[in-house]
Amino acid sequence: MSEANITQCLLFPDLFRKRVVARFDQEHGSSDGGAVLLKAADRRLGLTGRLAACLPDEREAGKVTHELLELFRQRVFSIACGYPDANDAARLGDDPIHKMLVDRDPVEGDPLASQPTLSRFENSLGPKGLYRLGRALADAVIERHRRRLHRRAHRITIDLDPTEDPTHGAQQLSFFNGHYGSWCYLPVLGFLSFDHEPEQHLFTAVLRAGNAPDKLGAHAILWRTLLRLRKAFPRARYLVRLDAGFACPEILDYLDGQPGVDYVVGMPKNAVLERRARKPMRKAHRMSAMSERTEHLYGECRHRTRGWNHRRRVIFKAEVVRHPGREPRENPRFLITNLKNAPQWVYERVYCQRGDVENRVKELQEGLQIDRTSCTRFWANQFRVLLTAAAYVLLQELRLQAARTSCGRAQVSTLREHLIKLGAHVVVSARRVVVHLPASFPFRNAWSQIALGLGARAG
């Protein structure tokens, strides 16, 4: 007896007052009925079309069954729906909603691409194609917000953040990283924030070898991004926030030479800076001993280190950390900045806001599995990272449209559970396709508001 026959009918004779029978026999049904919102978000951004246009198609035309745009959309929409692996294609090939997402007839259309086809697709790109793809992703995000804000942003913040991507096989350029204590890749992710908006919008995702220094590629990313942003927002002022791994002379010199650019960059501690912070650190010890709590003080100095061609403003936080049952511990922190504001304001109101970027990184890792880089080839893994980044951009567009609803600040995994994972029955007639969704859907108002914001009309 096959597995299909075993699960065709399940009986629960003693579970409820009446016998319950579960049958997997609903034709043209899908568990991703809400994913039509992703299609609407993609149309609003023009994202997958713009990105797929960067991909060269060197296949023989007579043997092509799945166009590159279809393959690209299939992977991006599947990742957004919670299917990060190409292996999931075997279960989604006949799903009517996923067929609709790639513009195939949900009932009569051919099945979607199989796992071998998708694997060949992921392994088809080299560095030049991936570079064009990364540029197109940044252009699409910047253009979307240029239109949304009518070129009127006053302050645009650029955050770059490296993160660990553990590897568990023989992937190319996977190396042991002593800081993280694992074999890994070390991708760098870039985010944009506009004025006082709480969202950080992903605009780049670059995979790097596991032994790459934090600063690798950062100068080029900043140069390209500022060039595009200045064209899109000519009157804006820019703030660049980086952690201590980016505090190198070439990046600092570049930022100093850019008009209208402020920066706050973490700096590793050294003996000279610790001597500068010694007096406030002693005062923090006395305050902590009196209050029996963690205490900190702020200060600043002018500092020049090896490789710098001039002295820069360095802000320090002299902090004594106290936990019950433990000895007090010194925790000095240092920042390099060209801002003129008070040290405490720069540290707490500007630099500490980078903590929100960590939430976006966590969403990418736990909500979309951007670290599912299990291909052998490095460039195939970079392609996967960009596919996941595109899926995240679409989900961020849904969250943007969900403002002032219960989903306005939801994590992407929650957005997926509340808005996309809907049981649906698809009916096709000569004139239209009807997607029947549950009448008792608890997030119906939020779903409808997002749909209207993305161009739907009340019928």
Protein backbone atom coordinates (compact mmCIF):
# COMPACT_ATOMS: atom_id res chain seq x y z
CA MET A 1 0.00 0.00 0.00
CA SER A 2 1.42 3.39 -0.98
CA GLU A 3 1.82 6.37 1.33
CA ALA A 4 -0.88 8.18 -0.66
CA ASN A 5 -3.37 5.42 0.11
CA ILE A 6 -2.42 5.36 3.80
CA THR A 7 -3.05 9.10 4.26
CA GLN A 8 -6.03 9.36 1.92
CA CYS A 9 -8.48 8.95 4.78
CA LEU A 10 -7.76 9.38 8.49
CA LEU A 11 -10.28 8.45 11.17
CA PHE A 12 -10.66 9.92 14.64
CA PRO A 13 -13.49 7.78 16.02
CA ASP A 14 -13.19 8.72 19.72
CA LEU A 15 -11.83 12.27 19.56
CA PHE A 16 -15.13 14.17 19.34
CA ARG A 17 -18.80 13.44 19.91
CA LYS A 18 -19.13 12.35 16.30
CA ARG A 19 -16.62 10.37 14.29
CA VAL A 20 -14.23 12.67 12.40
CA VAL A 21 -12.87 11.76 8.99
CA ALA A 22 -9.99 13.70 7.39
CA ARG A 23 -9.58 13.32 3.64
CA PHE A 24 -6.87 14.83 1.45
CA ASP A 25 -9.13 15.10 -1.57
CA GLN A 26 -9.79 18.81 -2.10
CA GLU A 27 -8.71 19.52 -5.64
CA HIS A 28 -7.29 22.94 -6.56
CA GLY A 29 -6.69 23.78 -2.92
CA SER A 30 -3.68 25.53 -1.38
CA SER A 31 -2.38 26.33 2.09
CA ASP A 32 -0.83 29.61 0.84
CA GLY A 33 -3.96 31.47 -0.26
CA GLY A 34 -2.74 34.78 1.14
CA ALA A 35 0.36 34.72 -1.07
CA VAL A 36 -1.47 36.73 -3.71
CA LEU A 37 -0.38 39.70 -1.57
CA LEU A 38 3.23 38.87 -2.47
CA LYS A 39 2.34 39.05 -6.14
CA ALA A 40 0.71 42.45 -5.59
CA ALA A 41 3.76 43.69 -3.66
CA ASP A 42 6.03 42.48 -6.44
CA ARG A 43 3.97 44.40 -9.00
CA ARG A 44 4.21 47.54 -6.86
CA LEU A 45 8.01 47.28 -6.67
CA GLY A 46 8.64 45.74 -10.09
CA LEU A 47 11.17 43.65 -8.20
CA THR A 48 11.34 40.18 -9.73
CA GLY A 49 11.06 41.51 -13.28
CA ARG A 50 13.91 43.95 -12.70
CA LEU A 51 16.11 41.30 -11.10
CA ALA A 52 15.36 38.53 -13.60
CA ALA A 53 16.29 40.89 -16.44
CA CYS A 54 19.87 40.77 -15.13
CA LEU A 55 20.13 37.02 -15.71
CA PRO A 56 21.58 35.83 -19.04
CA ASP A 57 19.73 32.90 -20.58
CA GLU A 58 22.18 30.71 -22.46
CA ARG A 59 19.86 27.72 -22.85
CA GLU A 60 18.72 26.37 -26.20
CA ALA A 61 15.40 28.07 -26.93
CA GLY A 62 13.74 24.93 -28.26
CA LYS A 63 14.39 23.02 -25.05
CA VAL A 64 13.21 25.67 -22.58
CA THR A 65 10.12 24.76 -20.55
CA HIS A 66 10.49 27.25 -17.70
CA GLU A 67 11.46 30.84 -18.48
CA LEU A 68 14.07 32.49 -16.26
CA LEU A 69 11.49 34.93 -14.91
CA GLU A 70 9.27 32.00 -13.89
CA LEU A 71 12.17 30.23 -12.17
CA PHE A 72 13.18 33.41 -10.36
CA ARG A 73 9.65 34.11 -9.19
CA GLN A 74 9.10 30.50 -8.15
CA ARG A 75 12.13 30.60 -5.85
CA VAL A 76 11.48 34.07 -4.42
CA PHE A 77 7.79 33.46 -3.69
CA SER A 78 8.50 30.00 -2.27
CA ILE A 79 11.10 31.41 0.12
CA ALA A 80 8.68 34.13 1.22
CA CYS A 81 6.05 31.45 1.88
CA GLY A 82 8.43 29.48 4.10
CA TYR A 83 9.96 27.00 1.65
CA PRO A 84 13.68 27.87 1.55
CA ASP A 85 14.95 24.71 -0.16
CA ALA A 86 14.69 23.74 -3.80
CA ASN A 87 13.59 20.32 -2.54
CA ASP A 88 10.26 21.87 -1.57
CA ALA A 89 9.42 22.19 -5.28
CA ALA A 90 8.33 18.54 -5.33
CA ARG A 91 5.45 19.39 -2.98
CA LEU A 92 4.54 22.71 -4.60
CA GLY A 93 4.63 21.85 -8.29
CA ASP A 94 0.84 21.56 -8.63
CA ASP A 95 -0.17 24.11 -6.00
CA PRO A 96 -2.69 26.42 -7.76
CA ILE A 97 -1.65 29.55 -5.83
CA HIS A 98 2.03 29.06 -6.60
CA LYS A 99 1.14 28.54 -10.27
CA MET A 100 -0.75 31.84 -10.22
CA LEU A 101 2.25 33.61 -8.71
CA VAL A 102 4.33 32.78 -11.79
CA ASP A 103 1.44 33.66 -14.17
CA ARG A 104 0.38 30.10 -14.99
CA ASP A 105 -3.20 28.91 -15.06
CA PRO A 106 -3.89 27.56 -11.55
CA VAL A 107 -5.83 24.55 -12.81
CA GLU A 108 -4.80 23.80 -16.39
CA GLY A 109 -1.28 25.21 -16.22
CA ASP A 110 1.77 22.96 -16.37
CA PRO A 111 3.47 22.04 -13.08
CA LEU A 112 6.18 24.31 -11.75
CA ALA A 113 9.88 23.58 -12.13
CA SER A 114 11.30 20.56 -10.32
CA GLN A 115 14.16 20.49 -7.84
CA PRO A 116 16.81 19.48 -10.43
CA THR A 117 15.76 22.36 -12.69
CA LEU A 118 15.92 24.83 -9.80
CA SER A 119 19.31 23.50 -8.70
CA ARG A 120 20.70 23.99 -12.20
CA PHE A 121 19.21 27.49 -12.17
CA GLU A 122 20.90 28.35 -8.87
CA ASN A 123 24.25 27.11 -10.17
CA SER A 124 24.03 28.94 -13.50
CA LEU A 125 25.32 32.37 -12.41
CA GLY A 126 28.84 33.66 -12.02
CA PRO A 127 30.22 36.76 -10.30
CA LYS A 128 29.31 39.21 -13.08
CA GLY A 129 25.67 38.18 -13.19
CA LEU A 130 25.43 38.23 -9.40
CA TYR A 131 26.99 41.70 -9.30
CA ARG A 132 24.32 42.97 -11.71
CA LEU A 133 21.68 41.27 -9.60
CA GLY A 134 22.91 42.95 -6.42
CA ARG A 135 22.93 46.36 -8.11
CA ALA A 136 19.39 45.82 -9.40
CA LEU A 137 18.18 44.89 -5.90
CA ALA A 138 19.58 48.13 -4.44
CA ASP A 139 18.15 50.16 -7.34
CA ALA A 140 14.69 48.64 -6.86
CA VAL A 141 14.63 49.39 -3.12
CA ILE A 142 15.89 52.96 -3.52
CA GLU A 143 13.48 53.66 -6.39
CA ARG A 144 10.54 52.34 -4.36
CA HIS A 145 11.24 54.72 -1.50
CA ARG A 146 12.03 57.62 -3.82
CA ARG A 147 8.51 57.31 -5.23
CA ARG A 148 6.96 56.67 -1.82
CA LEU A 149 8.58 59.70 -0.18
CA HIS A 150 8.46 61.95 -3.29
CA ARG A 151 12.23 62.57 -2.94
CA ARG A 152 11.59 64.45 0.33
CA ALA A 153 13.58 62.48 2.90
CA HIS A 154 15.62 64.72 5.20
CA ARG A 155 17.84 62.13 6.90
CA ILE A 156 18.75 58.73 5.46
CA THR A 157 20.66 56.26 7.64
CA ILE A 158 22.87 53.54 6.17
CA ASP A 159 23.68 50.54 8.37
CA LEU A 160 26.09 47.76 7.40
CA ASP A 161 26.20 44.69 9.59
CA PRO A 162 28.27 41.50 9.18
CA THR A 163 26.75 38.31 10.52
CA GLU A 164 27.68 34.66 10.89
CA ASP A 165 26.40 32.05 8.43
CA PRO A 166 27.48 28.63 9.79
CA THR A 167 28.38 25.98 7.23
CA HIS A 168 28.17 22.24 7.74
CA GLY A 169 29.75 20.75 4.64
CA ALA A 170 32.41 21.26 2.01
CA GLN A 171 31.15 24.59 0.67
CA GLN A 172 33.64 26.70 -1.25
CA LEU A 173 35.24 29.52 0.79
CA SER A 174 33.91 28.17 4.07
CA PHE A 175 36.61 28.86 6.67
CA PHE A 176 36.98 28.67 10.43
CA ASN A 177 36.31 32.03 12.08
CA GLY A 178 37.92 32.40 15.49
CA HIS A 179 35.56 35.17 16.60
CA TYR A 180 32.48 33.01 16.11
CA GLY A 181 34.23 29.71 16.83
CA SER A 182 32.75 27.93 13.81
CA TRP A 183 33.19 27.16 10.12
CA CYS A 184 31.09 29.74 8.36
CA TYR A 185 30.53 32.38 5.75
CA LEU A 186 30.53 36.02 6.83
CA PRO A 187 27.89 37.91 4.80
CA VAL A 188 27.42 41.65 5.15
CA LEU A 189 23.88 43.05 5.06
CA GLY A 190 22.95 46.67 4.32
CA PHE A 191 19.85 48.54 5.50
CA LEU A 192 18.35 51.99 4.84
CA SER A 193 16.22 54.02 7.27
CA PHE A 194 14.34 57.17 6.30
CA ASP A 195 13.87 60.06 8.73
CA HIS A 196 12.23 58.79 11.93
CA GLU A 197 10.58 55.71 10.44
CA PRO A 198 11.13 52.56 12.54
CA GLU A 199 11.77 50.18 9.62
CA GLN A 200 15.23 49.37 8.31
CA HIS A 201 14.90 48.38 4.65
CA LEU A 202 17.28 45.75 3.30
CA PHE A 203 19.06 46.88 0.14
CA THR A 204 22.10 44.62 -0.18
CA ALA A 205 23.29 41.18 0.91
CA VAL A 206 26.84 40.16 0.00
CA LEU A 207 28.16 36.72 0.89
CA ARG A 208 31.83 36.61 1.87
CA ALA A 209 34.36 33.96 2.84
CA GLY A 210 34.39 32.85 6.47
CA ASN A 211 37.76 34.48 7.12
CA ALA A 212 36.89 37.83 5.52
CA PRO A 213 37.59 40.95 7.59
CA ASP A 214 34.52 43.00 8.46
CA LYS A 215 35.68 45.89 6.27
CA LEU A 216 35.94 43.79 3.10
CA GLY A 217 33.71 45.32 0.40
CA ALA A 218 32.29 48.00 2.70
CA HIS A 219 33.95 50.91 0.89
CA ALA A 220 32.50 49.82 -2.47
CA ILE A 221 29.03 49.31 -0.99
CA LEU A 222 29.05 52.76 0.60
CA TRP A 223 30.35 54.42 -2.56
CA ARG A 224 27.69 52.85 -4.81
CA THR A 225 24.88 53.41 -2.31
CA LEU A 226 25.63 57.07 -1.65
CA LEU A 227 25.90 57.68 -5.40
CA ARG A 228 22.41 56.22 -5.98
CA LEU A 229 20.87 57.90 -2.94
CA ARG A 230 22.14 61.33 -3.91
CA LYS A 231 20.44 61.02 -7.29
CA ALA A 232 17.20 59.85 -5.70
CA PHE A 233 17.23 62.23 -2.71
CA PRO A 234 19.35 65.25 -3.68
CA ARG A 235 18.44 67.31 -0.59
CA ALA A 236 18.90 64.61 2.05
CA ARG A 237 21.63 64.40 4.65
CA TYR A 238 23.13 60.98 5.36
CA LEU A 239 24.18 59.11 8.47
CA VAL A 240 26.43 56.04 8.27
CA ARG A 241 26.48 53.69 11.29
CA LEU A 242 29.08 50.92 11.46
CA ASP A 243 30.47 48.66 14.15
CA ALA A 244 34.09 48.46 15.22
CA GLY A 245 35.10 46.03 12.48
CA PHE A 246 34.74 48.83 9.91
CA ALA A 247 36.97 51.34 11.73
CA CYS A 248 39.78 51.34 9.16
CA PRO A 249 41.56 54.38 7.64
CA GLU A 250 40.24 53.91 4.10
CA ILE A 251 36.57 53.92 5.20
CA LEU A 252 37.02 56.81 7.65
CA ASP A 253 38.93 58.88 5.06
CA TYR A 254 36.19 58.22 2.51
CA LEU A 255 33.43 59.29 4.94
CA ASP A 256 35.36 62.42 5.94
CA GLY A 257 35.57 63.43 2.30
CA GLN A 258 31.84 63.12 1.60
CA PRO A 259 29.77 66.32 1.91
CA GLY A 260 26.52 65.98 3.81
CA VAL A 261 27.53 62.67 5.41
CA ASP A 262 27.68 62.13 9.18
CA TYR A 263 29.05 58.94 10.64
CA VAL A 264 29.22 57.02 13.91
CA VAL A 265 31.65 54.11 13.84
CA GLY A 266 32.52 51.79 16.71
CA MET A 267 36.20 51.60 17.62
CA PRO A 268 38.14 48.76 19.26
CA LYS A 269 39.61 49.72 22.60
CA ASN A 270 43.34 50.27 22.98
CA ALA A 271 45.72 51.28 25.75
CA VAL A 272 45.73 54.97 24.80
CA LEU A 273 41.94 55.29 24.81
CA GLU A 274 41.64 53.32 28.05
CA ARG A 275 44.03 55.80 29.70
CA ARG A 276 41.85 58.66 28.45
CA ALA A 277 38.80 57.02 30.06
CA ARG A 278 40.56 56.06 33.32
CA LYS A 279 39.39 59.05 35.38
CA PRO A 280 35.67 58.75 34.49
CA MET A 281 35.98 54.98 34.94
CA ARG A 282 37.13 55.49 38.55
CA LYS A 283 34.17 57.80 39.09
CA ALA A 284 31.82 55.19 37.62
CA HIS A 285 33.27 52.65 40.09
CA ARG A 286 32.45 54.95 43.01
CA MET A 287 28.93 55.58 41.71
CA SER A 288 28.33 51.86 41.20
CA ALA A 289 29.60 51.03 44.69
CA MET A 290 27.18 53.54 46.21
CA SER A 291 24.16 52.56 44.13
CA GLU A 292 25.01 48.83 43.81
CA ARG A 293 23.85 49.07 40.20
CA THR A 294 25.42 49.40 36.79
CA GLU A 295 26.62 52.96 36.24
CA HIS A 296 28.21 54.75 33.31
CA LEU A 297 29.59 58.13 32.32
CA TYR A 298 30.31 59.67 28.93
CA GLY A 299 33.22 61.71 27.70
CA GLU A 300 35.20 62.58 24.59
CA CYS A 301 38.70 63.26 23.33
CA ARG A 302 40.63 63.97 20.16
CA HIS A 303 42.56 60.93 19.04
CA ARG A 304 44.86 59.88 16.24
CA THR A 305 46.03 56.32 15.72
CA ARG A 306 48.31 54.59 13.25
CA GLY A 307 47.15 55.07 9.67
CA TRP A 308 45.03 58.16 10.38
CA ASN A 309 46.10 61.36 8.66
CA HIS A 310 44.48 63.62 11.27
CA ARG A 311 42.90 63.60 14.74
CA ARG A 312 39.26 62.58 15.03
CA ARG A 313 36.60 62.98 17.68
CA VAL A 314 36.28 59.86 19.84
CA ILE A 315 33.38 59.43 22.28
CA PHE A 316 33.77 56.99 25.16
CA LYS A 317 31.41 55.38 27.62
CA ALA A 318 33.04 54.50 30.96
CA GLU A 319 30.74 51.80 32.29
CA VAL A 320 30.90 49.52 35.32
CA VAL A 321 28.59 46.53 34.94
CA ARG A 322 27.26 44.94 38.11
CA HIS A 323 25.33 41.67 38.35
CA PRO A 324 24.12 40.02 41.58
CA GLY A 325 26.67 37.56 42.90
CA ARG A 326 29.43 38.74 40.56
CA GLU A 327 32.33 41.12 40.82
CA PRO A 328 31.86 44.51 39.11
CA ARG A 329 33.23 44.51 35.57
CA GLU A 330 34.55 47.41 33.50
CA ASN A 331 32.97 47.78 30.06
CA PRO A 332 34.54 50.73 28.20
CA ARG A 333 33.13 51.53 24.75
CA PHE A 334 34.47 53.92 22.09
CA LEU A 335 32.98 55.58 19.02
CA ILE A 336 34.47 57.65 16.20
CA THR A 337 32.15 60.37 14.91
CA ASN A 338 32.05 63.69 13.13
CA LEU A 339 28.77 64.67 14.82
CA LYS A 340 28.93 67.73 17.08
CA ASN A 341 26.23 66.65 19.57
CA ALA A 342 26.78 65.73 23.21
CA PRO A 343 28.53 62.37 23.78
CA GLN A 344 25.60 60.79 25.61
CA TRP A 345 23.15 61.82 22.88
CA VAL A 346 25.39 60.45 20.11
CA TYR A 347 25.87 57.14 21.89
CA GLU A 348 22.32 56.51 23.13
CA ARG A 349 20.18 58.26 20.53
CA VAL A 350 22.24 57.49 17.43
CA TYR A 351 24.60 54.56 17.79
CA CYS A 352 22.46 52.37 20.06
CA GLN A 353 19.66 52.48 17.49
CA ARG A 354 21.74 49.98 15.52
CA GLY A 355 20.14 47.42 17.83
CA ASP A 356 17.06 47.45 15.60
CA VAL A 357 19.23 46.24 12.74
CA GLU A 358 19.95 43.11 14.77
CA ASN A 359 16.21 42.40 14.73
CA ARG A 360 16.19 42.60 10.94
CA VAL A 361 19.17 40.23 10.74
CA LYS A 362 17.39 37.82 13.06
CA GLU A 363 14.31 37.95 10.83
CA LEU A 364 16.42 37.03 7.82
CA GLN A 365 18.07 34.15 9.64
CA GLU A 366 15.13 32.70 11.56
CA GLY A 367 12.20 33.82 9.45
CA LEU A 368 13.59 33.27 5.95
CA GLN A 369 16.66 31.07 6.54
CA ILE A 370 19.06 33.31 4.64
CA ASP A 371 21.80 31.10 6.07
CA ARG A 372 20.52 28.05 4.13
CA THR A 373 23.69 28.23 1.99
CA SER A 374 24.16 24.50 1.46
CA CYS A 375 25.25 24.52 -2.19
CA THR A 376 28.79 23.42 -2.93
CA ARG A 377 29.62 26.40 -5.17
CA PHE A 378 30.15 29.75 -3.47
CA TRP A 379 28.39 31.67 -6.27
CA ALA A 380 25.32 29.44 -6.02
CA ASN A 381 25.16 30.28 -2.32
CA GLN A 382 25.47 33.98 -3.12
CA PHE A 383 22.53 33.57 -5.50
CA ARG A 384 20.49 31.96 -2.72
CA VAL A 385 21.30 34.87 -0.43
CA LEU A 386 20.05 37.34 -3.05
CA LEU A 387 16.89 35.31 -3.68
CA THR A 388 16.19 35.39 0.05
CA ALA A 389 16.90 39.12 0.14
CA ALA A 390 14.34 39.67 -2.62
CA ALA A 391 11.75 37.65 -0.68
CA TYR A 392 12.46 39.76 2.40
CA VAL A 393 12.00 43.00 0.45
CA LEU A 394 8.53 41.80 -0.61
CA LEU A 395 7.60 40.96 2.99
CA GLN A 396 8.85 44.36 4.13
CA GLU A 397 6.52 45.92 1.56
CA LEU A 398 3.62 43.99 3.11
CA ARG A 399 4.61 45.26 6.55
CA LEU A 400 4.80 48.80 5.19
CA GLN A 401 1.26 48.50 3.85
CA ALA A 402 0.10 46.99 7.16
CA ALA A 403 0.83 50.20 9.11
CA ARG A 404 -1.81 51.00 11.73
CA THR A 405 -2.98 47.39 11.82
CA SER A 406 -2.14 44.55 14.20
CA CYS A 407 0.50 43.41 11.69
CA GLY A 408 2.22 46.78 11.37
CA ARG A 409 5.28 45.78 13.43
CA ALA A 410 5.04 41.99 13.16
CA GLN A 411 8.09 39.84 12.45
CA VAL A 412 8.16 38.28 8.97
CA SER A 413 7.39 34.84 10.40
CA THR A 414 4.28 36.31 12.02
CA LEU A 415 3.33 38.07 8.79
CA ARG A 416 3.55 34.74 7.02
CA GLU A 417 1.44 32.94 9.61
CA HIS A 418 -1.20 35.68 9.78
CA LEU A 419 -1.44 36.80 6.16
CA ILE A 420 -0.10 34.10 3.81
CA LYS A 421 -0.80 30.72 5.40
CA LEU A 422 -4.49 30.65 4.49
CA GLY A 423 -6.41 27.63 3.31
CA ALA A 424 -7.75 28.48 -0.15
CA HIS A 425 -9.88 26.83 -2.80
CA VAL A 426 -9.30 28.06 -6.35
CA VAL A 427 -12.11 28.05 -8.91
CA VAL A 428 -11.45 29.01 -12.53
CA SER A 429 -14.22 30.12 -14.89
CA ALA A 430 -14.16 31.57 -18.38
CA ARG A 431 -14.04 35.13 -17.06
CA ARG A 432 -12.17 35.06 -13.75
CA VAL A 433 -10.28 33.15 -11.10
CA VAL A 434 -11.89 33.10 -7.65
CA VAL A 435 -9.75 32.35 -4.59
CA HIS A 436 -12.08 31.27 -1.78
CA LEU A 437 -10.60 32.16 1.62
CA PRO A 438 -11.99 31.32 5.09
CA ALA A 439 -14.90 33.53 6.17
CA SER A 440 -13.74 33.28 9.80
CA PHE A 441 -10.20 34.49 9.04
CA PRO A 442 -9.17 36.49 12.20
CA PHE A 443 -6.85 38.91 10.35
CA ARG A 444 -9.29 39.73 7.59
CA ASN A 445 -9.22 43.50 8.17
CA ALA A 446 -5.42 43.72 8.05
CA TRP A 447 -5.30 41.50 4.95
CA SER A 448 -7.90 43.64 3.20
CA GLN A 449 -6.12 46.89 4.06
CA ILE A 450 -2.85 45.57 2.64
CA ALA A 451 -4.59 44.36 -0.49
CA LEU A 452 -6.23 47.75 -1.03
CA GLY A 453 -2.93 49.50 -0.45
CA LEU A 454 -1.33 47.32 -3.12
CA GLY A 455 -3.89 48.19 -5.76
CA ALA A 456 -6.84 45.87 -5.13
CA ARG A 457 -10.38 47.21 -5.58
CA ALA A 458 -13.37 46.42 -3.41
CA GLY A 459 -15.77 44.23 -5.36
